[in-house]
Amino acid sequence: MFEEMFWFLSSTTFWLVIIVFAMFLTAILTSSFSDDKTKGL
């Protein structure tokens, strides 16, 4: 039971990191592609 719980927590943390990294990468690509638009913000 403990191993299943640990696996669930580790996989959830893994996907959370993947999602945050994807959003971070998208923000960098968007700001680099439209640099003049994001300077106002």
PDB file of N, CA and C in Angstrom:
ATOM      1  N   MET A   1       0.848  -1.199   0.000  1.00  0.00           N
ATOM      2  CA  MET A   1       0.000   0.000   0.000  1.00  0.00           C
ATOM      3  C   MET A   1       0.882   1.247   0.000  1.00  0.00           C
ATOM      4  N   PHE A   2       1.963   1.200   0.768  1.00  0.00           N
ATOM      5  CA  PHE A   2       2.849   2.375   0.835  1.00  0.00           C
ATOM      6  C   PHE A   2       3.535   2.611  -0.506  1.00  0.00           C
ATOM      7  N   GLU A   3       3.908   1.522  -1.169  1.00  0.00           N
ATOM      8  CA  GLU A   3       4.583   1.653  -2.464  1.00  0.00           C
ATOM      9  C   GLU A   3       3.639   2.240  -3.505  1.00  0.00           C
ATOM     10  N   GLU A   4       2.378   1.837  -3.463  1.00  0.00           N
ATOM     11  CA  GLU A   4       1.396   2.378  -4.404  1.00  0.00           C
ATOM     12  C   GLU A   4       1.179   3.867  -4.152  1.00  0.00           C
ATOM     13  N   MET A   5       1.139   4.247  -2.892  1.00  0.00           N
ATOM     14  CA  MET A   5       0.940   5.646  -2.542  1.00  0.00           C
ATOM     15  C   MET A   5       2.152   6.462  -2.979  1.00  0.00           C
ATOM     16  N   PHE A   6       3.338   5.920  -2.764  1.00  0.00           N
ATOM     17  CA  PHE A   6       4.562   6.603  -3.154  1.00  0.00           C
ATOM     18  C   PHE A   6       4.615   6.753  -4.667  1.00  0.00           C
ATOM     19  N   TRP A   7       4.228   5.704  -5.387  1.00  0.00           N
ATOM     20  CA  TRP A   7       4.234   5.746  -6.850  1.00  0.00           C
ATOM     21  C   TRP A   7       3.247   6.801  -7.341  1.00  0.00           C
ATOM     22  N   PHE A   8       2.081   6.893  -6.707  1.00  0.00           N
ATOM     23  CA  PHE A   8       1.065   7.881  -7.089  1.00  0.00           C
ATOM     24  C   PHE A   8       1.578   9.297  -6.857  1.00  0.00           C
ATOM     25  N   LEU A   9       2.216   9.509  -5.701  1.00  0.00           N
ATOM     26  CA  LEU A   9       2.737  10.842  -5.387  1.00  0.00           C
ATOM     27  C   LEU A   9       3.873  11.226  -6.323  1.00  0.00           C
ATOM     28  N   SER A  10       4.758  10.286  -6.598  1.00  0.00           N
ATOM     29  CA  SER A  10       5.898  10.582  -7.467  1.00  0.00           C
ATOM     30  C   SER A  10       5.430  10.849  -8.895  1.00  0.00           C
ATOM     31  N   SER A  11       4.459  10.085  -9.374  1.00  0.00           N
ATOM     32  CA  SER A  11       3.962  10.288 -10.726  1.00  0.00           C
ATOM     33  C   SER A  11       3.212  11.614 -10.831  1.00  0.00           C
ATOM     34  N   THR A  12       2.469  11.964  -9.773  1.00  0.00           N
ATOM     35  CA  THR A  12       1.750  13.236  -9.772  1.00  0.00           C
ATOM     36  C   THR A  12       2.735  14.400  -9.777  1.00  0.00           C
ATOM     37  N   THR A  13       3.781  14.288  -8.970  1.00  0.00           N
ATOM     38  CA  THR A  13       4.805  15.336  -8.944  1.00  0.00           C
ATOM     39  C   THR A  13       5.502  15.424 -10.291  1.00  0.00           C
ATOM     40  N   PHE A  14       5.740  14.270 -10.909  1.00  0.00           N
ATOM     41  CA  PHE A  14       6.393  14.235 -12.219  1.00  0.00           C
ATOM     42  C   PHE A  14       5.556  14.973 -13.258  1.00  0.00           C
ATOM     43  N   TRP A  15       4.269  14.675 -13.314  1.00  0.00           N
ATOM     44  CA  TRP A  15       3.394  15.336 -14.291  1.00  0.00           C
ATOM     45  C   TRP A  15       3.250  16.813 -13.973  1.00  0.00           C
ATOM     46  N   LEU A  16       3.262  17.160 -12.696  1.00  0.00           N
ATOM     47  CA  LEU A  16       3.158  18.569 -12.308  1.00  0.00           C
ATOM     48  C   LEU A  16       4.377  19.336 -12.812  1.00  0.00           C
ATOM     49  N   VAL A  17       5.555  18.735 -12.657  1.00  0.00           N
ATOM     50  CA  VAL A  17       6.777  19.365 -13.142  1.00  0.00           C
ATOM     51  C   VAL A  17       6.751  19.486 -14.664  1.00  0.00           C
ATOM     52  N   ILE A  18       6.271  18.455 -15.343  1.00  0.00           N
ATOM     53  CA  ILE A  18       6.184  18.482 -16.809  1.00  0.00           C
ATOM     54  C   ILE A  18       5.264  19.605 -17.267  1.00  0.00           C
ATOM     55  N   ILE A  19       4.110  19.763 -16.622  1.00  0.00           N
ATOM     56  CA  ILE A  19       3.146  20.799 -16.996  1.00  0.00           C
ATOM     57  C   ILE A  19       3.720  22.188 -16.751  1.00  0.00           C
ATOM     58  N   VAL A  20       4.347  22.379 -15.591  1.00  0.00           N
ATOM     59  CA  VAL A  20       4.937  23.686 -15.277  1.00  0.00           C
ATOM     60  C   VAL A  20       6.064  24.008 -16.256  1.00  0.00           C
ATOM     61  N   PHE A  21       6.881  23.008 -16.576  1.00  0.00           N
ATOM     62  CA  PHE A  21       7.975  23.216 -17.521  1.00  0.00           C
ATOM     63  C   PHE A  21       7.439  23.555 -18.906  1.00  0.00           C
ATOM     64  N   ALA A  22       6.348  22.902 -19.301  1.00  0.00           N
ATOM     65  CA  ALA A  22       5.737  23.168 -20.606  1.00  0.00           C
ATOM     66  C   ALA A  22       5.190  24.591 -20.665  1.00  0.00           C
ATOM     67  N   MET A  23       4.538  25.033 -19.588  1.00  0.00           N
ATOM     68  CA  MET A  23       4.007  26.401 -19.533  1.00  0.00           C
ATOM     69  C   MET A  23       5.149  27.407 -19.549  1.00  0.00           C
ATOM     70  N   PHE A  24       6.221  27.108 -18.832  1.00  0.00           N
ATOM     71  CA  PHE A  24       7.384  27.988 -18.781  1.00  0.00           C
ATOM     72  C   PHE A  24       8.033  28.097 -20.162  1.00  0.00           C
ATOM     73  N   LEU A  25       8.159  26.962 -20.840  1.00  0.00           N
ATOM     74  CA  LEU A  25       8.745  26.939 -22.171  1.00  0.00           C
ATOM     75  C   LEU A  25       7.864  27.691 -23.163  1.00  0.00           C
ATOM     76  N   THR A  26       6.548  27.509 -23.051  1.00  0.00           N
ATOM     77  CA  THR A  26       5.613  28.220 -23.931  1.00  0.00           C
ATOM     78  C   THR A  26       5.696  29.720 -23.716  1.00  0.00           C
ATOM     79  N   ALA A  27       5.837  30.145 -22.462  1.00  0.00           N
ATOM     80  CA  ALA A  27       5.934  31.578 -22.160  1.00  0.00           C
ATOM     81  C   ALA A  27       7.207  32.165 -22.758  1.00  0.00           C
ATOM     82  N   ILE A  28       8.299  31.421 -22.688  1.00  0.00           N
ATOM     83  CA  ILE A  28       9.566  31.899 -23.246  1.00  0.00           C
ATOM     84  C   ILE A  28       9.471  32.001 -24.768  1.00  0.00           C
ATOM     85  N   LEU A  29       8.908  30.967 -25.390  1.00  0.00           N
ATOM     86  CA  LEU A  29       8.783  30.973 -26.850  1.00  0.00           C
ATOM     87  C   LEU A  29       7.847  32.089 -27.307  1.00  0.00           C
ATOM     88  N   THR A  30       6.754  32.292 -26.591  1.00  0.00           N
ATOM     89  CA  THR A  30       5.796  33.333 -26.966  1.00  0.00           C
ATOM     90  C   THR A  30       6.420  34.711 -26.831  1.00  0.00           C
ATOM     91  N   SER A  31       7.163  34.936 -25.738  1.00  0.00           N
ATOM     92  CA  SER A  31       7.780  36.245 -25.514  1.00  0.00           C
ATOM     93  C   SER A  31       8.903  36.491 -26.517  1.00  0.00           C
ATOM     94  N   SER A  32       9.584  35.431 -26.926  1.00  0.00           N
ATOM     95  CA  SER A  32      10.679  35.593 -27.881  1.00  0.00           C
ATOM     96  C   SER A  32      10.143  35.827 -29.294  1.00  0.00           C
ATOM     97  N   PHE A  33       8.996  35.208 -29.606  1.00  0.00           N
ATOM     98  CA  PHE A  33       8.429  35.381 -30.938  1.00  0.00           C
ATOM     99  C   PHE A  33       7.736  36.734 -31.076  1.00  0.00           C
ATOM    100  N   SER A  34       7.029  37.147 -30.041  1.00  0.00           N
ATOM    101  CA  SER A  34       6.351  38.452 -30.076  1.00  0.00           C
ATOM    102  C   SER A  34       6.950  39.343 -28.999  1.00  0.00           C
ATOM    103  N   ASP A  35       8.173  39.776 -29.217  1.00  0.00           N
ATOM    104  CA  ASP A  35       8.905  40.520 -28.196  1.00  0.00           C
ATOM    105  C   ASP A  35       8.340  41.920 -28.028  1.00  0.00           C
ATOM    106  N   ASP A  36       7.946  42.546 -29.133  1.00  0.00           N
ATOM    107  CA  ASP A  36       7.455  43.928 -29.065  1.00  0.00           C
ATOM    108  C   ASP A  36       6.098  44.020 -28.380  1.00  0.00           C
ATOM    109  N   LYS A  37       5.308  42.937 -28.431  1.00  0.00           N
ATOM    110  CA  LYS A  37       3.975  42.964 -27.811  1.00  0.00           C
ATOM    111  C   LYS A  37       4.058  42.798 -26.294  1.00  0.00           C
ATOM    112  N   THR A  38       5.021  42.003 -25.824  1.00  0.00           N
ATOM    113  CA  THR A  38       5.084  41.710 -24.392  1.00  0.00           C
ATOM    114  C   THR A  38       5.838  42.780 -23.617  1.00  0.00           C
ATOM    115  N   LYS A  39       6.485  43.703 -24.317  1.00  0.00           N
ATOM    116  CA  LYS A  39       7.218  44.735 -23.595  1.00  0.00           C
ATOM    117  C   LYS A  39       6.276  45.702 -22.871  1.00  0.00           C
ATOM    118  N   GLY A  40       5.071  45.864 -23.400  1.00  0.00           N
ATOM    119  CA  GLY A  40       4.089  46.731 -22.757  1.00  0.00           C
ATOM    120  C   GLY A  40       3.643  46.140 -21.430  1.00  0.00           C
ATOM    121  N   LEU A  41       3.616  44.818 -21.364  1.00  0.00           N
ATOM    122  CA  LEU A  41       3.197  44.175 -20.136  1.00  0.00           C
ATOM    123  C   LEU A  41       4.388  44.049 -19.205  1.00  0.00           C
TER     124      LEU A  41
END
